[in-house]
């Protein structure tokens, strides 16, 4: 569970970082600073969010399997 909490914090940090970049992007667009806007847009790396989500999903599946195994043991007892 601690690892899931850590991953959730990392995901939240990535969401916050992206939000800041998006705000900067729209400000640059408003100033017609297209070079800066493109630079900002290019700095968003979807692979970071996808990797974090994959790690989280893997742990979630592992937790489900452990809980299911525990319930089967409990049902037998």
N, C-alpha and C. Protein backbone atom coordinates (compact mmCIF):
# COMPACT_ATOMS: atom_id res chain seq x y z
N UNK A 1 0.82 -1.20 0.00
CA UNK A 1 0.00 0.00 0.00
C UNK A 1 0.86 1.26 0.00
N UNK A 2 2.00 1.20 0.69
CA UNK A 2 2.87 2.37 0.72
C UNK A 2 3.36 2.72 -0.68
N UNK A 3 3.66 1.70 -1.46
CA UNK A 3 4.15 1.94 -2.82
C UNK A 3 3.04 2.56 -3.68
N UNK A 4 1.80 2.11 -3.48
CA UNK A 4 0.67 2.68 -4.22
C UNK A 4 0.50 4.16 -3.86
N UNK A 5 0.65 4.48 -2.58
CA UNK A 5 0.54 5.87 -2.14
C UNK A 5 1.64 6.72 -2.76
N UNK A 6 2.85 6.17 -2.82
CA UNK A 6 3.97 6.89 -3.43
C UNK A 6 3.70 7.15 -4.92
N UNK A 7 3.19 6.15 -5.61
CA UNK A 7 2.89 6.31 -7.03
C UNK A 7 1.78 7.35 -7.22
N UNK A 8 0.77 7.32 -6.36
CA UNK A 8 -0.30 8.32 -6.44
C UNK A 8 0.27 9.72 -6.26
N UNK A 9 1.21 9.90 -5.34
CA UNK A 9 1.87 11.20 -5.14
C UNK A 9 2.65 11.61 -6.39
N UNK A 10 3.34 10.65 -7.00
CA UNK A 10 4.09 10.93 -8.23
C UNK A 10 3.15 11.34 -9.36
N UNK A 11 2.02 10.64 -9.47
CA UNK A 11 1.03 10.98 -10.50
C UNK A 11 0.51 12.39 -10.26
N UNK A 12 0.18 12.71 -9.01
CA UNK A 12 -0.32 14.06 -8.69
C UNK A 12 0.73 15.12 -9.02
N UNK A 13 1.99 14.81 -8.71
CA UNK A 13 3.07 15.75 -9.04
C UNK A 13 3.19 15.97 -10.54
N UNK A 14 3.04 14.91 -11.31
CA UNK A 14 3.09 15.03 -12.78
C UNK A 14 1.91 15.83 -13.30
N UNK A 15 0.73 15.61 -12.73
CA UNK A 15 -0.46 16.38 -13.14
C UNK A 15 -0.24 17.86 -12.84
N UNK A 16 0.29 18.17 -11.68
CA UNK A 16 0.55 19.57 -11.31
C UNK A 16 1.59 20.20 -12.24
N UNK A 17 2.64 19.44 -12.56
CA UNK A 17 3.69 19.94 -13.47
C UNK A 17 3.10 20.25 -14.84
N UNK A 18 2.25 19.35 -15.33
CA UNK A 18 1.60 19.55 -16.63
C UNK A 18 0.68 20.77 -16.62
N UNK A 19 -0.02 20.96 -15.52
CA UNK A 19 -0.92 22.11 -15.39
C UNK A 19 -0.14 23.42 -15.50
N UNK A 20 1.00 23.47 -14.83
CA UNK A 20 1.85 24.67 -14.90
C UNK A 20 2.30 24.90 -16.34
N UNK A 21 2.74 23.85 -17.00
CA UNK A 21 3.21 23.97 -18.39
C UNK A 21 2.07 24.43 -19.30
N UNK A 22 0.89 23.87 -19.10
CA UNK A 22 -0.26 24.27 -19.93
C UNK A 22 -0.59 25.75 -19.74
N UNK A 23 -0.54 26.24 -18.52
CA UNK A 23 -0.81 27.66 -18.27
C UNK A 23 0.23 28.53 -18.95
N UNK A 24 1.50 28.11 -18.87
CA UNK A 24 2.56 28.85 -19.53
C UNK A 24 2.39 28.81 -21.04
N UNK A 25 1.96 27.67 -21.55
CA UNK A 25 1.73 27.51 -22.98
C UNK A 25 0.68 28.51 -23.47
N UNK A 26 -0.45 28.59 -22.77
CA UNK A 26 -1.51 29.50 -23.20
C UNK A 26 -1.09 30.96 -23.08
N UNK A 27 -0.28 31.29 -22.08
CA UNK A 27 0.24 32.66 -21.97
C UNK A 27 1.15 32.97 -23.16
N UNK A 28 2.01 32.02 -23.51
CA UNK A 28 2.91 32.21 -24.66
C UNK A 28 2.10 32.37 -25.94
N UNK A 29 1.06 31.57 -26.10
CA UNK A 29 0.20 31.68 -27.29
C UNK A 29 -0.46 33.06 -27.34
N UNK A 30 -0.90 33.52 -26.19
CA UNK A 30 -1.54 34.84 -26.12
C UNK A 30 -0.59 35.97 -26.51
N UNK A 31 0.71 35.77 -26.28
CA UNK A 31 1.72 36.76 -26.66
C UNK A 31 2.23 36.53 -28.07
N UNK A 32 1.66 35.51 -28.74
CA UNK A 32 2.11 35.11 -30.08
C UNK A 32 3.57 34.66 -30.08
N UNK A 33 4.01 34.14 -28.94
CA UNK A 33 5.37 33.60 -28.82
C UNK A 33 5.28 32.10 -29.12
N UNK A 34 5.15 31.81 -30.41
CA UNK A 34 4.91 30.44 -30.85
C UNK A 34 6.10 29.53 -30.62
N UNK A 35 7.29 30.09 -30.67
CA UNK A 35 8.48 29.29 -30.41
C UNK A 35 8.48 28.78 -28.96
N UNK A 36 8.18 29.68 -28.02
CA UNK A 36 8.11 29.29 -26.61
C UNK A 36 6.95 28.32 -26.38
N UNK A 37 5.81 28.57 -27.01
CA UNK A 37 4.65 27.68 -26.87
C UNK A 37 5.00 26.28 -27.34
N UNK A 38 5.67 26.19 -28.47
CA UNK A 38 6.06 24.88 -29.00
C UNK A 38 7.06 24.19 -28.09
N UNK A 39 7.98 24.94 -27.54
CA UNK A 39 8.96 24.40 -26.60
C UNK A 39 8.26 23.84 -25.36
N UNK A 40 7.30 24.58 -24.85
CA UNK A 40 6.55 24.12 -23.68
C UNK A 40 5.76 22.85 -23.99
N UNK A 41 5.09 22.87 -25.12
CA UNK A 41 4.29 21.72 -25.52
C UNK A 41 5.17 20.48 -25.69
N UNK A 42 6.34 20.68 -26.22
CA UNK A 42 7.28 19.56 -26.43
C UNK A 42 7.81 19.01 -25.12
N UNK A 43 7.74 19.79 -24.04
CA UNK A 43 8.27 19.33 -22.76
C UNK A 43 7.32 18.40 -22.02
N UNK A 44 6.10 18.24 -22.53
CA UNK A 44 5.15 17.32 -21.92
C UNK A 44 5.42 15.93 -22.49
N UNK A 45 5.80 15.03 -21.60
CA UNK A 45 6.17 13.67 -22.00
C UNK A 45 5.12 12.69 -21.47
N UNK A 46 4.28 12.21 -22.37
CA UNK A 46 3.21 11.29 -21.97
C UNK A 46 3.74 9.98 -21.40
N UNK A 47 4.95 9.60 -21.78
CA UNK A 47 5.49 8.33 -21.30
C UNK A 47 5.64 8.31 -19.79
N UNK A 48 5.87 9.48 -19.18
CA UNK A 48 5.99 9.56 -17.73
C UNK A 48 4.67 9.17 -17.07
N UNK A 49 3.59 9.78 -17.50
CA UNK A 49 2.27 9.49 -16.95
C UNK A 49 1.85 8.05 -17.24
N UNK A 50 2.14 7.57 -18.42
CA UNK A 50 1.78 6.20 -18.78
C UNK A 50 2.54 5.18 -17.95
N UNK A 51 3.81 5.44 -17.70
CA UNK A 51 4.61 4.53 -16.88
C UNK A 51 4.11 4.50 -15.44
N UNK A 52 3.80 5.66 -14.90
CA UNK A 52 3.27 5.72 -13.54
C UNK A 52 1.94 4.98 -13.44
N UNK A 53 1.08 5.19 -14.42
CA UNK A 53 -0.22 4.52 -14.42
C UNK A 53 -0.06 3.01 -14.53
N UNK A 54 0.87 2.55 -15.35
CA UNK A 54 1.12 1.12 -15.51
C UNK A 54 1.61 0.51 -14.20
N UNK A 55 2.52 1.21 -13.51
CA UNK A 55 3.01 0.73 -12.21
C UNK A 55 1.87 0.65 -11.20
N UNK A 56 1.02 1.68 -11.20
CA UNK A 56 -0.11 1.72 -10.26
C UNK A 56 -1.08 0.57 -10.56
N UNK A 57 -1.40 0.38 -11.83
CA UNK A 57 -2.34 -0.69 -12.22
C UNK A 57 -1.80 -2.07 -11.84
N UNK A 58 -0.50 -2.28 -12.02
CA UNK A 58 0.12 -3.56 -11.68
C UNK A 58 -0.02 -3.83 -10.18
N UNK A 59 0.24 -2.81 -9.37
CA UNK A 59 0.10 -2.97 -7.92
C UNK A 59 -1.35 -3.20 -7.52
N UNK A 60 -2.26 -2.52 -8.20
CA UNK A 60 -3.68 -2.68 -7.90
C UNK A 60 -4.12 -4.11 -8.19
N UNK A 61 -3.67 -4.67 -9.30
CA UNK A 61 -4.00 -6.05 -9.64
C UNK A 61 -3.41 -7.02 -8.63
N UNK A 62 -2.19 -6.75 -8.19
CA UNK A 62 -1.55 -7.59 -7.19
C UNK A 62 -2.34 -7.55 -5.88
N UNK A 63 -2.79 -6.36 -5.49
CA UNK A 63 -3.58 -6.22 -4.26
C UNK A 63 -4.91 -6.97 -4.38
N UNK A 64 -5.55 -6.88 -5.55
CA UNK A 64 -6.80 -7.60 -5.78
C UNK A 64 -6.59 -9.10 -5.63
N UNK A 65 -5.50 -9.61 -6.22
CA UNK A 65 -5.21 -11.05 -6.16
C UNK A 65 -4.96 -11.48 -4.73
N UNK A 66 -4.24 -10.66 -3.98
CA UNK A 66 -3.98 -10.99 -2.58
C UNK A 66 -5.26 -10.99 -1.77
N UNK A 67 -6.13 -10.01 -2.02
CA UNK A 67 -7.39 -9.94 -1.29
C UNK A 67 -8.28 -11.12 -1.65
N UNK A 68 -8.32 -11.47 -2.92
CA UNK A 68 -9.13 -12.61 -3.35
C UNK A 68 -8.63 -13.89 -2.70
N UNK A 69 -7.32 -14.08 -2.67
CA UNK A 69 -6.74 -15.24 -2.01
C UNK A 69 -7.06 -15.27 -0.54
N UNK A 70 -7.06 -14.12 0.10
CA UNK A 70 -7.38 -14.03 1.51
C UNK A 70 -8.84 -14.35 1.78
N UNK A 71 -9.72 -13.90 0.88
CA UNK A 71 -11.14 -14.19 1.04
C UNK A 71 -11.42 -15.67 0.86
N UNK A 72 -10.72 -16.32 -0.07
CA UNK A 72 -10.92 -17.76 -0.28
C UNK A 72 -10.48 -18.52 0.95
N UNK A 73 -9.37 -18.10 1.56
CA UNK A 73 -8.89 -18.74 2.79
C UNK A 73 -9.90 -18.52 3.91
N UNK A 74 -10.44 -17.30 3.99
CA UNK A 74 -11.41 -16.95 5.02
C UNK A 74 -12.70 -17.78 4.85
N UNK A 75 -13.15 -17.93 3.61
CA UNK A 75 -14.36 -18.69 3.33
C UNK A 75 -14.22 -20.15 3.73
N UNK A 76 -13.01 -20.69 3.61
CA UNK A 76 -12.78 -22.11 3.95
C UNK A 76 -12.76 -22.32 5.47
N UNK A 77 -12.42 -21.27 6.20
CA UNK A 77 -12.23 -21.38 7.65
C UNK A 77 -13.46 -21.26 8.42
